[in-house]
Amino acid sequence: MTKEKKNKLIDIALLVMMILPFVLCMVLKVLTTPASEGIAISGALIYFEIPMPLMPLYITEVQVTSLAVIISITALCLYLTHGIKVIPDSKRQLVAEYIVEKVNFLIKDNMGSRYMAFAPFIAAIMGISAFSSLSALLGLFPPTSDMNIVAGWGILVFIIITHYKLKGGLFPYVKGFFEPIPVFAPFNIIGEISTPVSMSFRHYGNVLSGVVISTLVGSALGGLSEMLLGWLPGFLGDIPFLRVGIPAVLSVYFDLFSGLMQAFIFAMLTMLYVATGFPEEEYEKRQAKKKKKALSAAQ
């Protein structure tokens, strides 16, 4: 087998790896979704549960779709970087370089050169969030409309923010809760804890509200179509003509525009919280003291 054919087979395998997980998720949803009449707004489907000491571990549509998103993004990254060269000679390499340049610019513009190592993390947040929200276009339950998912992201970001705040030392970090006066300490603590809560609820609420509104409007248009056009003869009276077009427009806004926007906002808040929480002055003082001690010990 020639190298060219081998590369083509790898590309085809990666393309299948991008698409197949979502196809399997859709098939699984169709086979397991119970029949319902009228408006059906519910949480993610529970496929099975694993017995655990404290409580059962439920494997739901959210976990399955999240896994499909991760596999698809991994395949996309491998596809874009497969056969990469020093001098680009393919459109997908140009796309890959464009994405990297834009993310690096975003980091440098909002956080500074010190935080360039954050680029993969921020790109991963935006990619997973965007793909998760866009899965609603395929009829799947978007993972971003499940509080457990976005709360996990919020807690992870909160840990990173706290880690960078502690770069200046434990005492300055604790001292910050009592500024400008000690009586503000409870409010500062609440403000600190509210960071992951606000980030999670903002993302979760915007995505979930879009799903609910689209479902309600689609159901209302179906009822209105039956009331106004139900007199049409034969099967024509059963066709919900008024549901054609308007739900699709709403889906473009709530699932496409709003989903991508929320991914961008979550990433921006992550960058701003980390960059503004880092005590650069205190950190530089600590580094200077460490260097001084190291020099003294060497002498």
Protein backbone atom coordinates (compact mmCIF):
# COMPACT_ATOMS: atom_id res chain seq x y z
CA MET A 1 0.00 0.00 0.00
CA THR A 2 1.38 3.39 -1.01
CA LYS A 3 1.74 6.21 1.49
CA GLU A 4 -0.87 8.27 -0.34
CA LYS A 5 -3.50 5.51 -0.08
CA LYS A 6 -2.61 4.94 3.57
CA ASN A 7 -3.12 8.66 4.31
CA LYS A 8 -6.48 8.61 2.52
CA LEU A 9 -7.63 5.62 4.57
CA ILE A 10 -6.60 7.41 7.78
CA ASP A 11 -8.49 10.52 6.68
CA ILE A 12 -11.62 8.46 5.94
CA ALA A 13 -11.34 6.72 9.32
CA LEU A 14 -11.06 10.08 11.09
CA LEU A 15 -14.07 11.46 9.20
CA VAL A 16 -16.09 8.41 10.20
CA MET A 17 -14.88 8.87 13.77
CA MET A 18 -16.21 12.44 13.69
CA ILE A 19 -19.67 11.53 12.42
CA LEU A 20 -20.36 8.01 13.72
CA PRO A 21 -20.64 8.88 17.47
CA PHE A 22 -23.48 11.34 16.79
CA VAL A 23 -25.22 8.89 14.44
CA LEU A 24 -25.11 6.23 17.16
CA CYS A 25 -26.44 8.73 19.72
CA MET A 26 -29.38 9.57 17.44
CA VAL A 27 -30.16 5.89 16.82
CA LEU A 28 -29.98 5.16 20.54
CA LYS A 29 -32.30 8.08 21.30
CA VAL A 30 -34.86 6.98 18.72
CA LEU A 31 -34.85 3.41 20.04
CA THR A 32 -35.13 4.36 23.72
CA THR A 33 -37.36 7.46 23.71
CA PRO A 34 -40.85 6.56 24.97
CA ALA A 35 -43.86 7.67 22.93
CA SER A 36 -45.56 10.84 24.18
CA GLU A 37 -48.38 13.13 23.16
CA GLY A 38 -48.42 16.91 23.29
CA ILE A 39 -45.62 18.88 24.92
CA ALA A 40 -42.81 16.74 26.29
CA ILE A 41 -40.16 18.72 28.17
CA SER A 42 -38.08 16.44 30.34
CA GLY A 43 -34.51 15.82 31.37
CA ALA A 44 -32.01 13.53 29.71
CA LEU A 45 -32.98 9.91 29.14
CA ILE A 46 -31.59 7.45 31.72
CA TYR A 47 -30.16 4.44 29.88
CA PHE A 48 -29.05 2.36 32.87
CA GLU A 49 -27.66 2.67 36.39
CA ILE A 50 -24.61 1.26 38.12
CA PRO A 51 -25.01 0.32 41.81
CA MET A 52 -22.71 2.34 44.07
CA PRO A 53 -22.25 2.44 47.88
CA LEU A 54 -23.97 5.79 48.50
CA MET A 55 -26.30 6.11 45.52
CA PRO A 56 -26.67 4.63 42.02
CA LEU A 57 -24.56 6.09 39.22
CA TYR A 58 -26.98 6.95 36.43
CA ILE A 59 -25.70 6.73 32.86
CA THR A 60 -27.85 9.18 30.94
CA GLU A 61 -28.07 10.71 27.50
CA VAL A 62 -25.87 13.54 28.77
CA GLN A 63 -22.88 11.28 29.47
CA VAL A 64 -23.30 9.46 26.15
CA THR A 65 -23.59 12.67 24.13
CA SER A 66 -20.63 14.21 26.02
CA LEU A 67 -18.53 11.18 25.13
CA ALA A 68 -19.61 11.53 21.50
CA VAL A 69 -18.59 15.20 21.56
CA ILE A 70 -15.15 14.38 22.98
CA ILE A 71 -14.56 11.61 20.42
CA SER A 72 -15.71 13.86 17.57
CA ILE A 73 -13.51 16.79 18.63
CA THR A 74 -10.52 14.46 19.04
CA ALA A 75 -11.09 13.08 15.54
CA LEU A 76 -11.45 16.61 14.15
CA CYS A 77 -8.14 17.69 15.71
CA LEU A 78 -6.39 14.59 14.36
CA TYR A 79 -7.90 15.16 10.91
CA LEU A 80 -6.84 18.81 10.76
CA THR A 81 -3.29 18.02 11.86
CA HIS A 82 -2.81 14.77 9.92
CA GLY A 83 0.06 15.11 7.47
CA ILE A 84 0.94 18.58 8.76
CA LYS A 85 4.01 20.16 7.13
CA VAL A 86 6.33 23.09 7.79
CA ILE A 87 4.98 24.86 4.71
CA PRO A 88 1.18 24.41 4.50
CA ASP A 89 0.01 22.74 1.31
CA SER A 90 -3.58 21.83 2.28
CA LYS A 91 -6.69 23.74 3.26
CA ARG A 92 -7.19 21.79 6.48
CA GLN A 93 -3.70 22.71 7.70
CA LEU A 94 -4.52 26.34 6.98
CA VAL A 95 -7.74 25.93 8.99
CA ALA A 96 -5.79 24.35 11.87
CA GLU A 97 -3.23 27.17 11.85
CA TYR A 98 -6.01 29.77 11.67
CA ILE A 99 -7.68 28.30 14.76
CA VAL A 100 -4.39 28.22 16.67
CA GLU A 101 -3.56 31.81 15.70
CA LYS A 102 -7.00 33.09 16.74
CA VAL A 103 -6.89 31.31 20.10
CA ASN A 104 -3.36 32.56 20.78
CA PHE A 105 -4.44 36.10 19.87
CA LEU A 106 -7.44 35.76 22.19
CA ILE A 107 -5.22 34.67 25.08
CA LYS A 108 -2.61 37.36 24.48
CA ASP A 109 -5.21 40.10 24.07
CA ASN A 110 -7.24 39.21 27.17
CA MET A 111 -4.72 37.62 29.53
CA GLY A 112 -1.24 38.64 28.39
CA SER A 113 1.83 36.77 27.17
CA ARG A 114 2.34 35.17 30.59
CA TYR A 115 -0.71 32.94 30.04
CA MET A 116 -0.02 31.61 26.54
CA ALA A 117 0.03 28.06 27.96
CA PHE A 118 -3.72 28.46 28.56
CA ALA A 119 -4.45 28.35 24.81
CA PRO A 120 -5.19 24.58 24.62
CA PHE A 121 -7.43 24.74 27.70
CA ILE A 122 -9.44 27.70 26.41
CA ALA A 123 -9.76 26.11 22.95
CA ALA A 124 -10.97 22.89 24.59
CA ILE A 125 -13.60 24.76 26.65
CA MET A 126 -14.95 26.59 23.59
CA GLY A 127 -14.89 23.47 21.43
CA ILE A 128 -16.62 21.16 23.91
CA SER A 129 -19.19 23.80 24.86
CA ALA A 130 -19.97 24.69 21.23
CA PHE A 131 -20.23 21.07 20.05
CA SER A 132 -22.37 20.17 23.07
CA SER A 133 -24.83 22.98 22.37
CA LEU A 134 -24.90 22.26 18.63
CA SER A 135 -25.84 18.63 19.31
CA ALA A 136 -29.40 19.94 19.86
CA LEU A 137 -29.60 20.51 16.09
CA LEU A 138 -29.41 16.72 15.71
CA GLY A 139 -32.33 16.19 18.07
CA LEU A 140 -30.07 15.17 20.97
CA PHE A 141 -30.26 16.44 24.53
CA PRO A 142 -27.46 19.05 24.68
CA PRO A 143 -25.05 18.37 27.57
CA THR A 144 -24.82 22.11 28.23
CA SER A 145 -28.49 22.10 29.29
CA ASP A 146 -27.62 19.73 32.16
CA MET A 147 -26.50 21.50 35.32
CA ASN A 148 -24.14 18.67 36.29
CA ILE A 149 -22.01 19.27 33.19
CA VAL A 150 -21.67 23.04 33.36
CA ALA A 151 -21.29 22.95 37.17
CA GLY A 152 -18.34 20.60 36.69
CA TRP A 153 -16.79 23.09 34.28
CA GLY A 154 -17.44 25.93 36.74
CA ILE A 155 -15.81 24.03 39.61
CA LEU A 156 -12.79 23.19 37.45
CA VAL A 157 -12.37 26.84 36.45
CA PHE A 158 -12.82 27.91 40.10
CA ILE A 159 -9.98 25.58 41.16
CA ILE A 160 -7.72 27.07 38.49
CA ILE A 161 -8.65 30.63 39.53
CA THR A 162 -7.94 29.84 43.20
CA HIS A 163 -4.63 28.19 42.25
CA TYR A 164 -3.48 31.36 40.51
CA LYS A 165 -4.71 33.58 43.35
CA LEU A 166 -2.58 31.52 45.77
CA LYS A 167 0.51 32.20 43.63
CA GLY A 168 0.99 35.34 45.72
CA GLY A 169 0.91 33.38 48.97
CA LEU A 170 -1.74 32.11 51.37
CA PHE A 171 -1.64 35.15 53.67
CA PRO A 172 -2.31 37.77 50.93
CA TYR A 173 -5.12 35.56 49.61
CA VAL A 174 -6.83 35.32 53.01
CA LYS A 175 -6.10 38.99 53.73
CA GLY A 176 -7.98 39.96 50.57
CA PHE A 177 -11.25 38.74 52.11
CA PHE A 178 -10.96 41.39 54.85
CA GLU A 179 -10.44 44.35 52.52
CA PRO A 180 -11.26 47.20 52.48
CA ILE A 181 -12.51 46.61 56.06
CA PRO A 182 -12.99 43.34 58.04
CA VAL A 183 -16.78 43.71 58.11
CA PHE A 184 -16.83 42.99 54.36
CA ALA A 185 -15.29 39.50 54.85
CA PRO A 186 -18.61 37.55 54.63
CA PHE A 187 -19.57 39.40 51.46
CA ASN A 188 -16.14 38.80 49.90
CA ILE A 189 -16.37 35.08 50.72
CA ILE A 190 -19.85 34.89 49.18
CA GLY A 191 -18.55 36.73 46.12
CA GLU A 192 -15.70 34.23 45.80
CA ILE A 193 -18.04 31.23 46.01
CA SER A 194 -20.52 32.82 43.60
CA THR A 195 -17.97 32.75 40.76
CA PRO A 196 -18.49 29.10 39.72
CA VAL A 197 -22.22 29.34 40.55
CA SER A 198 -22.80 32.36 38.29
CA MET A 199 -20.71 30.90 35.46
CA SER A 200 -22.59 27.59 35.62
CA PHE A 201 -26.10 29.02 35.86
CA ARG A 202 -25.48 31.58 33.10
CA HIS A 203 -24.42 28.90 30.63
CA TYR A 204 -27.00 26.33 31.77
CA GLY A 205 -29.90 28.79 31.86
CA ASN A 206 -29.32 30.23 28.40
CA VAL A 207 -29.04 26.85 26.69
CA LEU A 208 -31.93 25.24 28.58
CA SER A 209 -34.23 28.22 28.01
CA GLY A 210 -33.65 27.92 24.26
CA VAL A 211 -34.64 24.24 24.33
CA VAL A 212 -37.80 24.98 26.34
CA ILE A 213 -38.87 27.97 24.22
CA SER A 214 -38.32 26.09 20.95
CA THR A 215 -40.38 23.15 22.23
CA LEU A 216 -43.23 25.37 23.44
CA VAL A 217 -43.37 27.41 20.22
CA GLY A 218 -43.26 24.27 18.07
CA SER A 219 -46.11 22.69 20.04
CA ALA A 220 -48.18 25.88 19.95
CA LEU A 221 -47.73 26.19 16.18
CA GLY A 222 -48.75 22.56 15.76
CA GLY A 223 -51.98 23.17 17.69
CA LEU A 224 -52.66 26.40 15.79
CA SER A 225 -52.11 24.63 12.46
CA GLU A 226 -54.58 21.91 13.44
CA MET A 227 -57.15 24.53 14.49
CA LEU A 228 -56.87 26.70 11.38
CA LEU A 229 -56.03 24.14 8.69
CA GLY A 230 -57.51 20.93 10.10
CA TRP A 231 -60.45 21.26 7.72
CA LEU A 232 -58.26 20.42 4.71
CA PRO A 233 -59.26 17.11 3.08
CA GLY A 234 -57.41 13.85 3.67
CA PHE A 235 -53.89 13.76 4.99
CA LEU A 236 -53.43 17.49 4.32
CA GLY A 237 -55.36 18.30 7.49
CA ASP A 238 -52.85 16.31 9.54
CA ILE A 239 -49.80 18.18 8.25
CA PRO A 240 -48.67 20.94 10.71
CA PHE A 241 -47.97 23.55 8.02
CA LEU A 242 -47.41 26.37 10.52
CA ARG A 243 -44.56 24.42 12.13
CA VAL A 244 -42.57 24.65 8.90
CA GLY A 245 -39.95 27.41 9.02
CA ILE A 246 -40.51 29.26 12.28
CA PRO A 247 -39.13 26.54 14.63
CA ALA A 248 -36.13 26.23 12.31
CA VAL A 249 -35.44 29.98 12.61
CA LEU A 250 -35.70 29.75 16.40
CA SER A 251 -33.38 26.77 16.37
CA VAL A 252 -30.81 28.74 14.36
CA TYR A 253 -30.83 31.43 17.04
CA PHE A 254 -31.08 29.35 20.24
CA ASP A 255 -29.03 26.33 19.18
CA LEU A 256 -26.54 27.91 16.80
CA PHE A 257 -25.99 31.57 17.64
CA SER A 258 -26.78 31.44 21.36
CA GLY A 259 -24.90 28.15 21.85
CA LEU A 260 -21.75 29.51 20.20
CA MET A 261 -22.10 32.79 22.07
CA GLN A 262 -22.36 31.05 25.45
CA ALA A 263 -19.24 29.01 24.66
CA PHE A 264 -17.36 32.23 23.87
CA ILE A 265 -18.67 33.99 27.00
CA PHE A 266 -17.70 31.07 29.27
CA ALA A 267 -14.18 31.08 27.81
CA MET A 268 -13.90 34.87 28.14
CA LEU A 269 -15.00 34.77 31.79
CA THR A 270 -12.45 32.03 32.46
CA MET A 271 -9.66 34.13 30.98
CA LEU A 272 -10.69 37.32 32.77
CA TYR A 273 -11.15 35.67 36.18
CA VAL A 274 -7.76 33.96 35.99
CA ALA A 275 -5.89 37.02 34.69
CA THR A 276 -7.47 39.52 37.10
CA GLY A 277 -7.20 37.15 40.08
CA PHE A 278 -3.47 36.60 39.66
CA PRO A 279 -1.58 38.78 42.23
CA GLU A 280 1.32 39.70 39.98
CA GLU A 281 2.98 42.08 42.45
CA GLU A 282 2.89 39.61 45.33
CA TYR A 283 4.05 36.82 43.02
CA GLU A 284 7.06 38.83 41.86
CA LYS A 285 7.97 39.60 45.50
CA ARG A 286 7.83 35.90 46.37
CA GLN A 287 9.95 35.00 43.35
CA ALA A 288 12.51 37.67 44.30
CA LYS A 289 12.69 36.30 47.87
CA LYS A 290 13.17 32.76 46.57
CA LYS A 291 16.00 33.89 44.28
CA LYS A 292 17.62 35.79 47.13
CA LYS A 293 17.47 32.74 49.40
CA ALA A 294 18.85 30.53 46.64
CA LEU A 295 21.79 32.91 46.10
CA SER A 296 22.46 33.09 49.83
CA ALA A 297 22.44 29.31 50.11
CA ALA A 298 24.79 29.00 47.12
CA GLN A 299 27.28 31.39 48.72
